[in-house]
Amino acid sequence: MRQFGYRVVDLLVERIAGLPEAPAWRKGDRRALERALRQPPPEAPQDFDTILEQLVRDALSYGARVDHPRFLGFVPGSPTWPGILADFLAAGHNVFQGSWLGGSGASEIELIVLDWFKQWIGYPDSAGGLFTSGGSAANLIAIACARQLRFGSHNADAVIYLSRESHSSTDRAARILGFHPDRVRRLPADPSFRLDLTALQQAVDEDRRSGHVPFLLIANGGTTSTGAVDPLGPLAEFCSQQRIWLHVDAAYGGFAVLTQRGRTLLDGLGSADSITLDPHKWLYQPFEAGCLLVRESDHLETAFRVTPEYLQDAAVGTGDPRERPVNFMDRGLQLMRSARALKVWMSLKFFGVDAFRQVIDRCLDLAAQAETTLRESGQFEILSPASLGVVCFRRITDDGGHRVRDGAALEAINTKLVNELAASGEALVSSTRVNGTYALRFCILNHGTSWDDVLRVIRWFADSPDTRTDQPRKDAAHTAANA
């Protein structure tokens, strides 16, 4: 066991150390992977080193290296080494943390980490929550909790409001929970991509006149496409007046509250009834690590506690909530759950909170610097300014340096740039649409990303000669070398 463990640790250290020179993405062809991996289960044992070599060579080497310093697409994930080791420990101890009986020590660690989060965002002592697989699960649990508290069961007239910029997981959660599409209102955003409060007020008034029941608003604490933050303070005030549950999906941007800029941008976050956070984003933890916080922890237990006879030994009593045991199975969807909070606890203890604060600030600086450089180049147009590490832009010149006016041609140029950058392995940048316009999107979140990495990608886009759609692409490796 030691021999195998040392071999895996060495392999991981080598991988992390070699990330800057490795490709940011490596395409996996389904047919090739089938040929390499499709085998019947062996009847007899096989050599561990041979198995490990095949796993790394034929499976783990293909796909996106989301912790690569030039992985600037989607939402990067760059875990800390203490967090990785804590996951190793949690798996090795085989922690069952559905109940206090099953994992009291790990449950206490989770309660402590949740208290840290509560303090950062300004939640009261009565707040509580749980770790989840990610933001999608947290959003689902939040909607289910709000509905159970308000109605006790499903109400066909209940209406959910959210921005057109909101994450797709909210639509999926509403579908899973049985809300008809006609009861999910996607409202317009303002020119800064924030939920339009006037449009919300009008929609709520119209629904009340129609006999519907406005009951939940999902606001954004950092949208995925642009990093925009909805006006949380005014939205909280409106929801309080209207008796509407305010849930803030801050999976992307929530932990920016550790910085002064983030606290200013996310002002009002602590007024929400529930909040989604993702420690596997800006707290730099291995996947999976999501989190849901609710202003009153009892609300989760009211919504989810179910105690069958076969779990009667694990039931907890009543009493001072600061002293009584907590069964996390009573706060969400999972009975069987792992100890996800251990990695956050270990990382924060090892590095200290200020280290994370400094890295988040650096990411915000890099995004602002990228926006300035793109603007000043004359070859790019900013489609959404830097917000929480996200910048959306597009190249607007052809290979002769002339401004391209045709929208379809611009989309073709930028689509080609995205695809060929990924194919080169030099970096990975994803695309989105901003007000219907095809956009390149930087998401700068990795603690290992430097300005040299960001500038290298900007130069790749700026120097790429084959931006006309009527000529073949030159060798991608040559372009990467020129960058």
Protein backbone atom coordinates (compact mmCIF):
# COMPACT_ATOMS: atom_id res chain seq x y z
CA MET A 1 0.00 0.00 0.00
CA ARG A 2 2.83 2.43 0.78
CA GLN A 3 4.56 1.59 -2.47
CA PHE A 4 1.42 2.25 -4.50
CA GLY A 5 0.67 5.43 -2.57
CA TYR A 6 4.14 6.87 -3.06
CA ARG A 7 3.94 6.07 -6.75
CA VAL A 8 0.64 7.98 -7.11
CA VAL A 9 1.90 10.97 -5.10
CA ASP A 10 5.05 11.18 -7.21
CA LEU A 11 2.97 11.01 -10.37
CA LEU A 12 0.69 13.84 -9.20
CA VAL A 13 3.60 16.05 -8.18
CA GLU A 14 5.22 15.51 -11.57
CA ARG A 15 1.95 16.38 -13.28
CA ILE A 16 1.49 19.62 -11.34
CA ALA A 17 5.11 20.66 -11.83
CA GLY A 18 4.83 20.05 -15.57
CA LEU A 19 1.55 21.89 -16.17
CA PRO A 20 3.04 25.09 -17.70
CA GLU A 21 4.75 23.06 -20.44
CA ALA A 22 1.85 20.66 -20.98
CA PRO A 23 -1.01 21.36 -23.40
CA ALA A 24 -3.99 23.08 -21.79
CA TRP A 25 -6.31 20.71 -23.62
CA ARG A 26 -5.91 17.42 -25.40
CA LYS A 27 -8.71 16.13 -27.57
CA GLY A 28 -10.04 12.68 -26.84
CA ASP A 29 -11.31 10.84 -29.90
CA ARG A 30 -14.08 8.40 -28.93
CA ARG A 31 -12.99 5.70 -31.37
CA ALA A 32 -9.37 5.90 -30.26
CA LEU A 33 -10.33 5.80 -26.59
CA GLU A 34 -12.56 2.80 -27.23
CA ARG A 35 -9.67 0.96 -28.86
CA ALA A 36 -7.32 1.80 -26.01
CA LEU A 37 -9.63 1.16 -23.07
CA ARG A 38 -12.48 -1.14 -24.09
CA GLN A 39 -11.56 -4.46 -22.48
CA PRO A 40 -13.50 -7.07 -20.54
CA PRO A 41 -13.00 -7.11 -16.77
CA PRO A 42 -9.96 -9.26 -16.02
CA GLU A 43 -10.47 -12.59 -14.29
CA ALA A 44 -6.99 -12.52 -12.77
CA PRO A 45 -5.03 -9.75 -10.99
CA GLN A 46 -2.93 -7.32 -12.99
CA ASP A 47 0.22 -5.39 -12.14
CA PHE A 48 -0.48 -2.07 -10.39
CA ASP A 49 2.14 -0.07 -12.28
CA THR A 50 0.78 -1.36 -15.58
CA ILE A 51 -2.75 -0.38 -14.59
CA LEU A 52 -1.63 3.06 -13.44
CA GLU A 53 0.34 3.66 -16.61
CA GLN A 54 -2.66 2.77 -18.79
CA LEU A 55 -5.01 4.92 -16.72
CA VAL A 56 -2.80 8.00 -17.08
CA ARG A 57 -1.72 7.40 -20.68
CA ASP A 58 -5.04 6.35 -22.20
CA ALA A 59 -7.62 8.15 -20.04
CA LEU A 60 -6.44 10.94 -17.74
CA SER A 61 -4.20 12.52 -20.39
CA TYR A 62 -7.21 13.40 -22.56
CA GLY A 63 -9.46 16.35 -21.87
CA ALA A 64 -9.05 19.81 -20.42
CA ARG A 65 -6.40 20.53 -17.82
CA VAL A 66 -8.58 22.97 -15.91
CA ASP A 67 -5.72 23.74 -13.50
CA HIS A 68 -3.36 24.75 -16.32
CA PRO A 69 -2.12 28.37 -15.94
CA ARG A 70 -3.36 29.17 -19.46
CA PHE A 71 -6.72 27.45 -19.06
CA LEU A 72 -8.77 30.64 -19.22
CA GLY A 73 -12.05 29.18 -20.45
CA PHE A 74 -15.27 28.11 -18.73
CA VAL A 75 -14.45 28.32 -14.99
CA PRO A 76 -10.96 27.03 -14.18
CA GLY A 77 -10.32 24.81 -11.18
CA SER A 78 -6.87 24.83 -9.60
CA PRO A 79 -6.76 22.90 -6.33
CA THR A 80 -4.22 23.35 -3.57
CA TRP A 81 -2.01 20.42 -2.61
CA PRO A 82 -3.27 20.34 1.02
CA GLY A 83 -6.80 20.11 -0.36
CA ILE A 84 -5.82 17.18 -2.57
CA LEU A 85 -4.24 15.39 0.38
CA ALA A 86 -7.30 16.03 2.54
CA ASP A 87 -9.48 14.34 -0.09
CA PHE A 88 -7.00 11.46 -0.02
CA LEU A 89 -7.40 11.26 3.77
CA ALA A 90 -11.18 11.44 3.59
CA ALA A 91 -11.22 8.57 1.09
CA GLY A 92 -8.70 6.59 3.12
CA HIS A 93 -10.69 7.02 6.33
CA ASN A 94 -13.80 6.15 4.33
CA VAL A 95 -15.80 8.78 6.19
CA PHE A 96 -19.57 8.45 6.22
CA GLN A 97 -20.81 11.91 7.10
CA GLY A 98 -24.53 11.62 6.67
CA SER A 99 -25.04 11.44 10.41
CA TRP A 100 -23.31 12.63 13.56
CA LEU A 101 -23.10 9.00 14.67
CA GLY A 102 -21.27 8.10 11.48
CA GLY A 103 -18.87 11.04 11.27
CA SER A 104 -19.01 13.37 14.27
CA GLY A 105 -15.45 14.70 13.89
CA ALA A 106 -15.81 15.42 10.19
CA SER A 107 -19.25 16.93 10.83
CA GLU A 108 -17.79 19.30 13.42
CA ILE A 109 -15.15 20.37 10.88
CA GLU A 110 -17.93 21.08 8.38
CA LEU A 111 -19.83 23.16 10.95
CA ILE A 112 -16.70 25.17 11.69
CA VAL A 113 -15.95 25.86 8.02
CA LEU A 114 -19.58 26.86 7.44
CA ASP A 115 -19.25 29.30 10.34
CA TRP A 116 -16.20 30.83 8.64
CA PHE A 117 -18.24 31.30 5.47
CA LYS A 118 -21.12 32.84 7.44
CA GLN A 119 -18.79 35.38 9.01
CA TRP A 120 -17.28 36.35 5.66
CA ILE A 121 -20.64 37.10 4.03
CA GLY A 122 -22.30 38.64 7.09
CA TYR A 123 -24.81 35.95 8.00
CA PRO A 124 -26.23 35.68 11.54
CA ASP A 125 -25.32 32.95 14.04
CA SER A 126 -28.65 31.26 13.31
CA ALA A 127 -27.60 30.56 9.73
CA GLY A 128 -26.47 27.13 8.64
CA GLY A 129 -25.92 24.99 5.61
CA LEU A 130 -24.05 22.08 4.15
CA PHE A 131 -21.45 21.12 1.59
CA THR A 132 -22.74 19.77 -1.72
CA SER A 133 -21.27 18.38 -4.92
CA GLY A 134 -21.39 21.84 -6.50
CA GLY A 135 -23.52 24.86 -7.29
CA SER A 136 -26.10 22.87 -9.24
CA ALA A 137 -26.97 20.71 -6.22
CA ALA A 138 -26.92 23.74 -3.92
CA ASN A 139 -29.36 25.65 -6.15
CA LEU A 140 -31.68 22.65 -6.28
CA ILE A 141 -31.67 22.25 -2.48
CA ALA A 142 -32.30 25.98 -2.01
CA ILE A 143 -35.35 26.01 -4.30
CA ALA A 144 -36.73 22.86 -2.66
CA CYS A 145 -36.22 24.36 0.80
CA ALA A 146 -37.93 27.62 -0.11
CA ARG A 147 -40.90 25.84 -1.66
CA GLN A 148 -41.34 23.47 1.29
CA LEU A 149 -41.29 26.33 3.79
CA ARG A 150 -43.71 28.46 1.79
CA PHE A 151 -46.21 25.86 0.59
CA GLY A 152 -45.45 22.53 2.25
CA SER A 153 -45.72 20.89 -1.18
CA HIS A 154 -45.79 21.87 -4.81
CA ASN A 155 -47.96 24.83 -5.81
CA ALA A 156 -48.77 25.09 -9.50
CA ASP A 157 -49.24 28.85 -9.21
CA ALA A 158 -45.82 29.52 -7.63
CA VAL A 159 -43.51 31.63 -9.80
CA ILE A 160 -39.71 31.76 -9.89
CA TYR A 161 -37.89 34.86 -11.20
CA LEU A 162 -34.35 34.98 -12.50
CA SER A 163 -32.18 36.89 -14.93
CA ARG A 164 -31.52 35.88 -18.51
CA GLU A 165 -27.87 35.80 -17.41
CA SER A 166 -28.52 33.17 -14.71
CA HIS A 167 -26.83 29.78 -14.73
CA SER A 168 -28.53 26.89 -16.53
CA SER A 169 -28.57 24.84 -13.32
CA THR A 170 -31.42 26.98 -12.04
CA ASP A 171 -33.62 26.00 -15.01
CA ARG A 172 -32.65 22.37 -14.50
CA ALA A 173 -33.46 22.54 -10.79
CA ALA A 174 -36.87 24.07 -11.50
CA ARG A 175 -37.59 21.33 -14.04
CA ILE A 176 -36.57 18.56 -11.63
CA LEU A 177 -38.79 20.05 -8.93
CA GLY A 178 -41.79 20.10 -11.23
CA PHE A 179 -42.16 23.80 -12.01
CA HIS A 180 -43.81 24.33 -15.37
CA PRO A 181 -41.68 26.41 -17.78
CA ASP A 182 -44.46 29.04 -17.76
CA ARG A 183 -43.82 29.57 -14.04
CA VAL A 184 -40.11 30.33 -14.50
CA ARG A 185 -39.68 33.96 -15.54
CA ARG A 186 -36.37 34.86 -17.20
CA LEU A 187 -36.16 38.63 -16.98
CA PRO A 188 -34.03 41.06 -19.00
CA ALA A 189 -30.73 42.43 -17.77
CA ASP A 190 -29.61 46.04 -17.88
CA PRO A 191 -26.67 47.27 -20.03
CA SER A 192 -24.30 46.08 -17.27
CA PHE A 193 -25.80 42.56 -17.50
CA ARG A 194 -27.46 42.92 -14.07
CA LEU A 195 -31.06 41.96 -13.37
CA ASP A 196 -33.37 44.86 -14.21
CA LEU A 197 -35.26 45.75 -11.01
CA THR A 198 -38.01 47.57 -12.89
CA ALA A 199 -38.65 44.51 -15.06
CA LEU A 200 -38.83 42.38 -11.91
CA GLN A 201 -41.34 44.73 -10.28
CA GLN A 202 -43.52 44.71 -13.39
CA ALA A 203 -43.42 40.90 -13.65
CA VAL A 204 -44.36 40.45 -9.99
CA ASP A 205 -47.27 42.91 -10.32
CA GLU A 206 -48.55 41.18 -13.44
CA ASP A 207 -48.35 37.76 -11.82
CA ARG A 208 -50.23 38.89 -8.73
CA ARG A 209 -53.00 40.35 -10.91
CA SER A 210 -53.17 37.04 -12.79
CA GLY A 211 -53.62 35.06 -9.59
CA HIS A 212 -50.09 33.61 -9.55
CA VAL A 213 -47.90 33.48 -6.44
CA PRO A 214 -44.49 35.16 -6.71
CA PHE A 215 -42.35 33.22 -4.27
CA LEU A 216 -38.66 33.00 -5.29
CA LEU A 217 -36.06 35.26 -6.90
CA ILE A 218 -32.71 33.82 -7.94
CA ALA A 219 -30.13 36.62 -8.15
CA ASN A 220 -26.56 36.38 -9.39
CA GLY A 221 -23.43 36.88 -7.34
CA GLY A 222 -21.23 36.67 -10.43
CA THR A 223 -22.72 35.36 -13.66
CA THR A 224 -20.84 32.72 -15.58
CA SER A 225 -20.82 34.56 -18.91
CA THR A 226 -19.74 38.03 -17.80
CA GLY A 227 -19.09 37.95 -14.03
CA ALA A 228 -21.90 40.47 -13.49
CA VAL A 229 -23.38 40.90 -10.01
CA ASP A 230 -27.05 41.76 -9.66
CA PRO A 231 -28.03 44.75 -7.41
CA LEU A 232 -28.29 42.57 -4.33
CA GLY A 233 -29.18 45.27 -1.79
CA PRO A 234 -32.17 46.72 -3.69
CA LEU A 235 -33.31 43.20 -4.65
CA ALA A 236 -33.21 42.10 -1.00
CA GLU A 237 -35.30 45.11 0.02
CA PHE A 238 -37.84 44.43 -2.72
CA CYS A 239 -38.09 40.73 -1.85
CA SER A 240 -38.59 41.52 1.82
CA GLN A 241 -41.47 43.85 0.97
CA GLN A 242 -43.04 41.34 -1.41
CA ARG A 243 -42.53 38.26 0.81
CA ILE A 244 -40.37 36.64 -1.86
CA TRP A 245 -37.51 34.30 -0.96
CA LEU A 246 -34.20 35.69 -2.22
CA HIS A 247 -31.64 33.10 -3.25
CA VAL A 248 -28.27 34.34 -4.53
CA ASP A 249 -26.32 32.05 -6.81
CA ALA A 250 -22.81 33.17 -5.86
CA ALA A 251 -21.17 29.91 -6.91
CA TYR A 252 -18.72 31.77 -9.11
CA GLY A 253 -18.10 35.05 -7.33
CA GLY A 254 -19.11 34.61 -3.71
CA PHE A 255 -15.68 34.16 -2.17
CA ALA A 256 -14.54 37.46 -3.67
CA VAL A 257 -16.00 38.92 -0.43
CA LEU A 258 -12.59 38.15 1.06
CA THR A 259 -11.28 41.22 -0.81
CA GLN A 260 -12.33 44.84 -0.45
CA ARG A 261 -13.34 45.07 -4.12
CA GLY A 262 -15.34 41.89 -3.84
CA ARG A 263 -17.19 43.05 -0.72
CA THR A 264 -18.12 46.29 -2.47
CA LEU A 265 -19.31 44.49 -5.60
CA LEU A 266 -21.29 41.90 -3.59
CA ASP A 267 -22.80 44.40 -1.17
CA GLY A 268 -26.11 43.04 0.09
CA LEU A 269 -25.13 39.38 -0.21
CA GLY A 270 -25.67 38.85 3.51
CA SER A 271 -29.32 39.93 3.17
CA ALA A 272 -30.26 36.89 1.07
CA ASP A 273 -32.39 34.06 2.44
CA SER A 274 -30.00 31.51 0.93
CA ILE A 275 -26.69 31.57 -0.92
CA THR A 276 -24.85 29.13 -3.17
CA LEU A 277 -21.04 29.09 -2.95
CA ASP A 278 -18.43 26.94 -4.68
CA PRO A 279 -15.19 26.37 -2.74
CA HIS A 280 -13.84 24.46 -5.75
CA LYS A 281 -13.67 27.77 -7.59
CA TRP A 282 -12.17 30.74 -5.72
CA LEU A 283 -11.17 28.75 -2.64
CA TYR A 284 -9.04 26.47 -4.82
CA GLN A 285 -10.29 23.04 -3.81
CA PRO A 286 -10.43 19.78 -5.77
CA PHE A 287 -13.75 18.91 -7.36
CA GLU A 288 -16.28 18.41 -5.85
CA ALA A 289 -16.94 21.13 -3.28
CA GLY A 290 -20.11 23.20 -3.42
CA CYS A 291 -21.96 24.80 -0.52
CA LEU A 292 -25.39 26.11 0.42
CA LEU A 293 -25.99 28.56 3.25
CA VAL A 294 -29.46 29.41 4.57
CA ARG A 295 -30.20 32.34 6.86
CA GLU A 296 -31.98 30.03 9.34
CA SER A 297 -30.45 26.56 9.59
CA ASP A 298 -33.73 25.15 10.97
CA HIS A 299 -35.31 25.85 7.59
CA LEU A 300 -33.19 23.16 5.96
CA GLU A 301 -34.06 20.60 8.60
CA THR A 302 -37.75 21.45 8.37
CA ALA A 303 -37.59 20.88 4.62
CA PHE A 304 -35.47 17.72 4.51
CA ARG A 305 -35.51 15.78 7.77
CA VAL A 306 -36.92 12.28 7.32
CA THR A 307 -36.17 9.63 9.98
CA PRO A 308 -37.11 6.06 9.06
CA GLU A 309 -36.99 3.24 11.60
CA TYR A 310 -33.69 1.91 10.32
CA LEU A 311 -32.03 5.25 11.11
CA GLN A 312 -33.56 5.73 14.55
CA ASP A 313 -30.19 5.12 16.21
CA ALA A 314 -28.76 8.10 14.32
CA ALA A 315 -31.54 10.53 15.27
CA VAL A 316 -30.48 13.63 17.22
CA GLY A 317 -32.47 15.35 19.92
CA THR A 318 -33.49 18.93 20.42
CA GLY A 319 -31.87 21.60 22.53
CA ASP A 320 -29.41 24.45 22.10
CA PRO A 321 -28.56 24.42 18.38
CA ARG A 322 -25.00 25.48 19.25
CA GLU A 323 -24.45 22.31 21.25
CA ARG A 324 -26.64 19.56 19.85
CA PRO A 325 -25.29 17.17 17.20
CA VAL A 326 -26.07 17.82 13.53
CA ASN A 327 -27.08 15.18 11.00
CA PHE A 328 -26.22 16.63 7.61
CA MET A 329 -28.54 14.09 6.01
CA ASP A 330 -31.33 16.22 7.54
CA ARG A 331 -30.19 19.31 5.60
CA GLY A 332 -30.21 18.15 1.99
CA LEU A 333 -30.56 15.42 -0.61
CA GLN A 334 -27.86 12.96 0.42
CA LEU A 335 -27.84 10.34 3.13
CA MET A 336 -24.52 8.93 1.98
CA ARG A 337 -22.11 11.85 1.78
CA SER A 338 -18.34 12.23 1.99
CA ALA A 339 -16.33 14.66 4.11
CA ARG A 340 -15.99 17.52 1.59
CA ALA A 341 -15.19 20.20 4.17
CA LEU A 342 -11.92 18.60 5.28
CA LYS A 343 -10.02 19.90 2.26
CA VAL A 344 -11.22 23.47 2.77
CA TRP A 345 -10.33 23.33 6.47
CA MET A 346 -6.86 21.93 5.78
CA SER A 347 -6.08 24.42 3.00
CA LEU A 348 -7.20 27.45 5.00
CA LYS A 349 -5.30 26.26 8.07
CA PHE A 350 -2.12 25.66 6.06
CA PHE A 351 -2.03 28.82 3.95
CA GLY A 352 -4.06 31.25 6.04
CA VAL A 353 -6.98 33.28 4.74
CA ASP A 354 -4.79 36.17 3.60
CA ALA A 355 -3.09 33.98 1.00
CA PHE A 356 -6.45 33.33 -0.65
CA ARG A 357 -7.35 37.01 -0.39
CA GLN A 358 -4.13 37.96 -2.19
CA VAL A 359 -4.69 35.45 -4.99
CA ILE A 360 -8.26 36.60 -5.58
CA ASP A 361 -7.07 40.19 -5.72
CA ARG A 362 -4.37 39.21 -8.20
CA CYS A 363 -6.95 37.52 -10.45
CA LEU A 364 -9.07 40.69 -10.38
CA ASP A 365 -5.98 42.71 -11.31
CA LEU A 366 -5.12 40.37 -14.19
CA ALA A 367 -8.63 40.64 -15.63
CA ALA A 368 -8.52 44.44 -15.45
CA GLN A 369 -5.07 44.46 -17.05
CA ALA A 370 -6.29 42.13 -19.80
CA GLU A 371 -9.20 44.45 -20.55
CA THR A 372 -6.89 47.47 -20.81
CA THR A 373 -4.45 45.63 -23.09
CA LEU A 374 -7.24 44.41 -25.36
CA ARG A 375 -8.76 47.89 -25.62
CA GLU A 376 -5.45 49.54 -26.42
CA SER A 377 -4.44 47.04 -29.10
CA GLY A 378 -6.95 48.30 -31.65
CA GLN A 379 -7.59 44.73 -32.78
CA PHE A 380 -10.23 43.82 -30.23
CA GLU A 381 -13.59 45.05 -29.04
CA ILE A 382 -14.62 44.70 -25.38
CA LEU A 383 -18.12 43.23 -25.17
CA SER A 384 -18.28 43.14 -21.37
CA PRO A 385 -15.71 44.78 -19.09
CA ALA A 386 -13.73 42.96 -16.43
CA SER A 387 -15.92 41.78 -13.57
CA LEU A 388 -14.88 39.16 -11.02
CA GLY A 389 -12.11 37.89 -13.28
CA VAL A 390 -14.23 37.62 -16.45
CA VAL A 391 -13.67 39.68 -19.62
CA CYS A 392 -15.60 39.17 -22.87
CA PHE A 393 -14.21 40.45 -26.17
CA ARG A 394 -13.76 39.63 -29.85
CA ARG A 395 -11.19 40.23 -32.51
CA ILE A 396 -12.47 42.79 -35.02
CA THR A 397 -9.62 42.91 -37.57
CA ASP A 398 -8.68 40.54 -40.36
CA ASP A 399 -5.19 39.29 -41.19
CA GLY A 400 -4.43 42.55 -42.97
CA GLY A 401 -5.27 44.61 -39.90
CA HIS A 402 -8.47 45.99 -41.44
CA ARG A 403 -11.67 46.39 -39.42
CA VAL A 404 -14.28 43.76 -40.30
CA ARG A 405 -17.83 45.11 -40.29
CA ASP A 406 -19.87 42.05 -41.16
CA GLY A 407 -21.25 40.28 -38.05
CA ALA A 408 -21.26 36.81 -39.58
CA ALA A 409 -17.65 37.21 -40.71
CA LEU A 410 -16.61 38.38 -37.24
CA GLU A 411 -18.27 35.35 -35.67
CA ALA A 412 -16.48 33.05 -38.11
CA ILE A 413 -13.14 34.70 -37.34
CA ASN A 414 -13.55 34.39 -33.59
CA THR A 415 -14.93 30.87 -33.74
CA LYS A 416 -11.89 29.83 -35.69
CA LEU A 417 -9.60 31.48 -33.15
CA VAL A 418 -11.22 29.61 -30.24
CA ASN A 419 -11.07 26.25 -31.96
CA GLU A 420 -7.53 26.57 -33.22
CA LEU A 421 -6.15 27.87 -29.94
CA ALA A 422 -7.60 24.80 -28.23
CA ALA A 423 -6.23 22.50 -30.92
CA SER A 424 -2.76 24.03 -30.53
CA GLY A 425 -2.64 23.13 -26.83
CA GLU A 426 -1.14 26.55 -26.12
CA ALA A 427 -4.13 27.59 -24.04
CA LEU A 428 -7.88 27.22 -23.81
CA VAL A 429 -10.37 30.07 -24.00
CA SER A 430 -14.10 29.45 -24.22
CA SER A 431 -16.81 31.44 -25.98
CA THR A 432 -20.19 32.82 -25.01
CA ARG A 433 -22.74 35.26 -26.37
CA VAL A 434 -23.08 38.78 -25.03
CA ASN A 435 -26.39 40.36 -26.06
CA GLY A 436 -26.48 37.83 -28.88
CA THR A 437 -22.95 38.61 -30.10
CA TYR A 438 -20.39 35.81 -30.26
CA ALA A 439 -17.65 36.58 -27.75
CA LEU A 440 -14.32 35.23 -26.61
CA ARG A 441 -14.26 34.98 -22.83
CA PHE A 442 -11.36 35.13 -20.41
CA CYS A 443 -12.04 33.65 -16.99
CA ILE A 444 -8.97 34.34 -14.86
CA LEU A 445 -9.17 32.36 -11.63
CA ASN A 446 -6.15 30.04 -11.41
CA HIS A 447 -3.73 30.79 -8.56
CA GLY A 448 -0.87 29.80 -10.88
CA THR A 449 -1.81 32.14 -13.75
CA SER A 450 0.58 35.05 -14.31
CA TRP A 451 0.40 38.14 -16.49
CA ASP A 452 2.84 36.44 -18.86
CA ASP A 453 0.29 33.65 -19.35
CA VAL A 454 -2.54 36.07 -20.08
CA LEU A 455 -0.42 38.22 -22.39
CA ARG A 456 0.75 35.13 -24.23
CA VAL A 457 -2.85 34.28 -25.09
CA ILE A 458 -3.70 37.85 -26.11
CA ARG A 459 -0.70 37.86 -28.44
CA TRP A 460 -1.79 34.53 -29.88
CA PHE A 461 -5.15 36.05 -30.78
CA ALA A 462 -3.57 39.29 -32.03
CA ASP A 463 -0.84 37.68 -34.14
CA SER A 464 -2.93 34.87 -35.59
CA PRO A 465 -2.72 35.53 -39.33
CA ASP A 466 -5.50 33.30 -40.62
CA THR A 467 -8.49 35.33 -39.54
CA ARG A 468 -10.12 35.38 -42.96
CA THR A 469 -12.65 32.63 -43.53
CA ASP A 470 -11.58 32.11 -47.15
CA GLN A 471 -8.09 30.73 -46.59
CA PRO A 472 -6.64 27.65 -44.87
CA ARG A 473 -5.08 27.88 -41.42
CA LYS A 474 -1.28 27.80 -41.17
CA ASP A 475 0.41 25.37 -38.84
CA ALA A 476 -0.96 26.00 -35.31
CA ALA A 477 2.38 25.12 -33.73
CA HIS A 478 4.06 27.85 -35.80
CA THR A 479 1.55 30.41 -34.54
CA ALA A 480 2.02 29.29 -30.95
CA ALA A 481 5.78 29.58 -31.33
CA ASN A 482 5.44 33.12 -32.70
CA ALA A 483 3.33 34.07 -29.66
